Every structure is written in C-alpha cells, then in structure tokens.
C-alpha cells in the first residue's frame, strides 16, 4: 500500500486496484490506534478517526483533491503514484 503523505501523526495511503470493498475513490488513514477509509470527498467509509484529525484530514483532502483523483486513477490502473504534499 503506497504511502501518499504523512503529517500531524497521520499516515495516508492508497491501495492499488482498491475498488471492490469501497467503490468510491478513497484513502486509508492511520493515526495512533485509529484507522479509517475516507473518501476523497471526506466521507468516512469505514473505521474512525478522532474529530480533530478528521477535520485536518478533510482540509487536506479539499486542498489536494485534484492530485488525489489523479493518484486514484493511476492506482486503479496499478500504475505508480507520486507522494502528495502535506499540510503546513
């Protein structure tokens, strides 16, 4: 699972060809003991994150939306993806 970004204790990854369980474009986020699958639109698809981290993640998703959709397209095709700039 390639790492897209890491900031404020969160690690954000995207799986290759990950369209079976969650049909919409999404990322996988880990923060301490928390883990969640979150749509690029900010919707939690599975798992949970603390409210503060979720708000920070949602801000990043909005700021990096174009890059994230581009990465999703590549990941679905099983092509290499680039890292994406963190917040801050």
N, C-alpha and C. Protein backbone atom coordinates (compact mmCIF):
# COMPACT_ATOMS: atom_id res chain seq x y z
N UNK A 1 0.86 -1.16 0.00
CA UNK A 1 0.00 0.00 0.00
C UNK A 1 0.91 1.23 0.00
N UNK A 2 1.00 1.93 -1.12
CA UNK A 2 1.88 3.09 -1.21
C UNK A 2 1.45 4.23 -0.28
N UNK A 3 2.44 4.84 0.34
CA UNK A 3 2.19 5.99 1.21
C UNK A 3 2.11 7.25 0.36
N UNK A 4 1.00 7.97 0.51
CA UNK A 4 0.83 9.23 -0.21
C UNK A 4 1.41 10.40 0.55
N UNK A 5 1.21 10.39 1.87
CA UNK A 5 1.57 11.56 2.66
C UNK A 5 1.61 11.20 4.14
N UNK A 6 2.32 12.02 4.89
CA UNK A 6 2.42 11.84 6.34
C UNK A 6 2.49 13.22 6.97
N UNK A 7 1.58 13.51 7.89
CA UNK A 7 1.61 14.79 8.60
C UNK A 7 0.77 14.71 9.87
N UNK A 8 1.15 15.49 10.87
CA UNK A 8 0.45 15.57 12.16
C UNK A 8 0.12 14.19 12.72
N UNK A 9 1.04 13.25 12.58
CA UNK A 9 0.85 11.91 13.13
C UNK A 9 -0.01 10.99 12.28
N UNK A 10 -0.54 11.49 11.18
CA UNK A 10 -1.37 10.66 10.29
C UNK A 10 -0.53 10.15 9.14
N UNK A 11 -0.78 8.89 8.76
CA UNK A 11 -0.16 8.30 7.59
C UNK A 11 -1.29 8.00 6.62
N UNK A 12 -1.16 8.52 5.40
CA UNK A 12 -2.22 8.39 4.40
C UNK A 12 -1.70 7.55 3.25
N UNK A 13 -2.45 6.49 2.95
CA UNK A 13 -2.05 5.56 1.90
C UNK A 13 -3.19 5.34 0.91
N UNK A 14 -2.82 4.79 -0.24
CA UNK A 14 -3.81 4.43 -1.26
C UNK A 14 -3.42 3.05 -1.80
N UNK A 15 -4.39 2.16 -1.87
CA UNK A 15 -4.15 0.82 -2.39
C UNK A 15 -4.24 0.80 -3.91
N UNK A 16 -3.51 -0.12 -4.51
CA UNK A 16 -3.66 -0.35 -5.94
C UNK A 16 -4.90 -1.19 -6.18
N UNK A 17 -5.66 -0.87 -7.21
CA UNK A 17 -6.83 -1.64 -7.65
C UNK A 17 -7.81 -1.89 -6.49
N UNK A 18 -8.07 -0.87 -5.70
CA UNK A 18 -8.90 -0.98 -4.48
C UNK A 18 -10.33 -0.52 -4.76
N UNK A 19 -11.04 -1.25 -5.60
CA UNK A 19 -12.39 -0.84 -5.98
C UNK A 19 -13.47 -1.84 -5.58
N UNK A 20 -13.11 -2.90 -4.88
CA UNK A 20 -14.09 -3.94 -4.55
C UNK A 20 -14.90 -3.59 -3.31
N UNK A 21 -14.24 -3.30 -2.20
CA UNK A 21 -14.95 -3.04 -0.94
C UNK A 21 -15.60 -1.66 -0.92
N UNK A 22 -14.87 -0.65 -1.35
CA UNK A 22 -15.38 0.72 -1.40
C UNK A 22 -15.30 1.17 -2.84
N UNK A 23 -16.43 1.46 -3.43
CA UNK A 23 -16.45 1.78 -4.86
C UNK A 23 -15.98 3.18 -5.17
N UNK A 24 -16.04 4.06 -4.20
CA UNK A 24 -15.66 5.45 -4.49
C UNK A 24 -14.17 5.67 -4.22
N UNK A 25 -13.57 6.64 -4.87
CA UNK A 25 -12.16 6.96 -4.63
C UNK A 25 -11.94 7.31 -3.16
N UNK A 26 -10.91 6.71 -2.56
CA UNK A 26 -10.67 6.91 -1.13
C UNK A 26 -9.21 6.69 -0.77
N UNK A 27 -8.90 7.07 0.46
CA UNK A 27 -7.58 6.84 1.04
C UNK A 27 -7.75 6.06 2.33
N UNK A 28 -6.65 5.48 2.79
CA UNK A 28 -6.62 4.77 4.07
C UNK A 28 -5.74 5.60 5.00
N UNK A 29 -6.25 5.88 6.19
CA UNK A 29 -5.56 6.76 7.13
C UNK A 29 -5.32 6.03 8.44
N UNK A 30 -4.11 6.16 8.96
CA UNK A 30 -3.78 5.63 10.27
C UNK A 30 -3.34 6.79 11.15
N UNK A 31 -3.83 6.79 12.37
CA UNK A 31 -3.43 7.78 13.36
C UNK A 31 -3.44 7.08 14.70
N UNK A 32 -2.28 6.93 15.32
CA UNK A 32 -2.15 6.20 16.60
C UNK A 32 -2.86 4.85 16.46
N UNK A 33 -3.83 4.57 17.33
CA UNK A 33 -4.53 3.28 17.26
C UNK A 33 -5.76 3.33 16.35
N UNK A 34 -5.99 4.45 15.70
CA UNK A 34 -7.15 4.61 14.83
C UNK A 34 -6.80 4.29 13.37
N UNK A 35 -7.79 3.82 12.64
CA UNK A 35 -7.63 3.57 11.21
C UNK A 35 -8.98 3.81 10.55
N UNK A 36 -8.94 4.39 9.36
CA UNK A 36 -10.19 4.66 8.63
C UNK A 36 -9.94 4.67 7.13
N UNK A 37 -10.98 4.33 6.40
CA UNK A 37 -11.02 4.53 4.95
C UNK A 37 -11.90 5.75 4.75
N UNK A 38 -11.37 6.74 4.04
CA UNK A 38 -12.08 8.01 3.88
C UNK A 38 -12.12 8.38 2.39
N UNK A 39 -13.32 8.66 1.90
CA UNK A 39 -13.47 9.08 0.52
C UNK A 39 -12.74 10.38 0.27
N UNK A 40 -12.32 10.58 -0.97
CA UNK A 40 -11.66 11.83 -1.32
C UNK A 40 -12.60 13.01 -1.07
N UNK A 41 -13.90 12.74 -1.05
CA UNK A 41 -14.88 13.78 -0.74
C UNK A 41 -15.03 14.01 0.77
N UNK A 42 -14.27 13.27 1.60
CA UNK A 42 -14.29 13.47 3.05
C UNK A 42 -15.22 12.54 3.82
N UNK A 43 -15.97 11.69 3.14
CA UNK A 43 -16.90 10.77 3.81
C UNK A 43 -16.13 9.59 4.41
N UNK A 44 -16.41 9.27 5.69
CA UNK A 44 -15.81 8.09 6.30
C UNK A 44 -16.54 6.86 5.77
N UNK A 45 -15.79 5.95 5.16
CA UNK A 45 -16.36 4.73 4.59
C UNK A 45 -16.26 3.57 5.56
N UNK A 46 -15.23 3.56 6.39
CA UNK A 46 -15.03 2.50 7.38
C UNK A 46 -14.06 3.01 8.43
N UNK A 47 -14.17 2.47 9.64
CA UNK A 47 -13.26 2.85 10.72
C UNK A 47 -13.61 4.18 11.34
N UNK A 48 -12.63 4.75 12.05
CA UNK A 48 -12.85 6.04 12.70
C UNK A 48 -11.54 6.75 12.95
N UNK A 49 -11.65 8.06 13.09
CA UNK A 49 -10.55 8.95 13.47
C UNK A 49 -11.08 9.92 14.51
N UNK A 50 -10.22 10.42 15.40
CA UNK A 50 -10.66 11.47 16.31
C UNK A 50 -11.14 12.69 15.51
N UNK A 51 -12.08 13.42 16.07
CA UNK A 51 -12.70 14.56 15.37
C UNK A 51 -11.66 15.57 14.88
N UNK A 52 -10.68 15.90 15.70
CA UNK A 52 -9.68 16.89 15.32
C UNK A 52 -8.88 16.43 14.10
N UNK A 53 -8.44 15.18 14.10
CA UNK A 53 -7.68 14.65 12.97
C UNK A 53 -8.55 14.55 11.72
N UNK A 54 -9.82 14.23 11.91
CA UNK A 54 -10.73 14.14 10.77
C UNK A 54 -10.87 15.51 10.10
N UNK A 55 -10.97 16.57 10.89
CA UNK A 55 -11.09 17.91 10.32
C UNK A 55 -9.82 18.31 9.57
N UNK A 56 -8.67 17.97 10.13
CA UNK A 56 -7.40 18.27 9.46
C UNK A 56 -7.31 17.47 8.16
N UNK A 57 -7.67 16.20 8.21
CA UNK A 57 -7.65 15.36 7.01
C UNK A 57 -8.59 15.92 5.94
N UNK A 58 -9.79 16.30 6.33
CA UNK A 58 -10.75 16.84 5.36
C UNK A 58 -10.22 18.11 4.70
N UNK A 59 -9.54 18.95 5.46
CA UNK A 59 -8.94 20.16 4.88
C UNK A 59 -7.89 19.78 3.84
N UNK A 60 -7.06 18.79 4.16
CA UNK A 60 -6.04 18.32 3.22
C UNK A 60 -6.68 17.73 1.97
N UNK A 61 -7.74 16.95 2.15
CA UNK A 61 -8.44 16.35 1.01
C UNK A 61 -8.96 17.43 0.05
N UNK A 62 -9.51 18.50 0.60
CA UNK A 62 -10.01 19.60 -0.24
C UNK A 62 -8.86 20.27 -0.98
N UNK A 63 -7.77 20.54 -0.26
CA UNK A 63 -6.64 21.24 -0.86
C UNK A 63 -5.94 20.41 -1.94
N UNK A 64 -5.96 19.11 -1.79
CA UNK A 64 -5.22 18.21 -2.70
C UNK A 64 -6.14 17.37 -3.59
N UNK A 65 -7.39 17.77 -3.71
CA UNK A 65 -8.39 16.97 -4.42
C UNK A 65 -7.95 16.55 -5.83
N UNK A 66 -7.46 17.48 -6.61
CA UNK A 66 -7.06 17.16 -7.98
C UNK A 66 -5.95 16.11 -8.01
N UNK A 67 -4.95 16.29 -7.15
CA UNK A 67 -3.84 15.33 -7.08
C UNK A 67 -4.32 13.96 -6.61
N UNK A 68 -5.26 13.95 -5.69
CA UNK A 68 -5.78 12.68 -5.16
C UNK A 68 -6.57 11.91 -6.23
N UNK A 69 -7.38 12.61 -7.00
CA UNK A 69 -8.12 11.92 -8.07
C UNK A 69 -7.16 11.39 -9.14
N UNK A 70 -6.11 12.14 -9.40
CA UNK A 70 -5.11 11.69 -10.36
C UNK A 70 -4.41 10.42 -9.82
N UNK A 71 -4.06 10.43 -8.54
CA UNK A 71 -3.44 9.26 -7.91
C UNK A 71 -4.39 8.07 -7.94
N UNK A 72 -5.68 8.31 -7.68
CA UNK A 72 -6.67 7.23 -7.70
C UNK A 72 -6.74 6.58 -9.08
N UNK A 73 -6.77 7.39 -10.12
CA UNK A 73 -6.82 6.87 -11.48
C UNK A 73 -5.61 5.99 -11.76
N UNK A 74 -4.44 6.43 -11.35
CA UNK A 74 -3.23 5.63 -11.54
C UNK A 74 -3.28 4.34 -10.71
N UNK A 75 -3.72 4.45 -9.46
CA UNK A 75 -3.76 3.28 -8.58
C UNK A 75 -4.71 2.21 -9.10
N UNK A 76 -5.85 2.62 -9.63
CA UNK A 76 -6.82 1.66 -10.19
C UNK A 76 -6.19 0.93 -11.37
N UNK A 77 -5.34 1.62 -12.12
CA UNK A 77 -4.65 1.01 -13.26
C UNK A 77 -3.40 0.24 -12.84
N UNK A 78 -3.13 0.24 -11.51
CA UNK A 78 -1.93 -0.42 -10.95
C UNK A 78 -0.64 0.22 -11.45
N UNK A 79 -0.70 1.53 -11.66
CA UNK A 79 0.47 2.29 -12.09
C UNK A 79 1.06 3.03 -10.90
N UNK A 80 2.34 3.33 -10.91
CA UNK A 80 2.98 4.04 -9.77
C UNK A 80 2.31 5.39 -9.52
N UNK A 81 2.23 5.73 -8.24
CA UNK A 81 1.68 7.04 -7.85
C UNK A 81 2.75 7.84 -7.11
N UNK A 82 2.62 9.15 -7.18
CA UNK A 82 3.56 10.06 -6.53
C UNK A 82 3.07 10.43 -5.13
N UNK A 83 3.98 10.83 -4.29
CA UNK A 83 3.58 11.35 -2.99
C UNK A 83 2.92 12.72 -3.19
N UNK A 84 2.14 13.12 -2.19
CA UNK A 84 1.41 14.39 -2.25
C UNK A 84 1.84 15.23 -1.05
N UNK A 85 2.00 16.51 -1.27
CA UNK A 85 2.46 17.43 -0.23
C UNK A 85 1.54 17.42 0.99
N UNK A 86 2.12 17.47 2.18
CA UNK A 86 1.32 17.54 3.41
C UNK A 86 0.80 18.95 3.66
N UNK A 87 0.05 19.09 4.73
CA UNK A 87 -0.34 20.42 5.20
C UNK A 87 0.84 21.07 5.88
N UNK A 88 0.82 22.38 5.91
CA UNK A 88 1.83 23.07 6.69
C UNK A 88 2.99 23.53 5.97
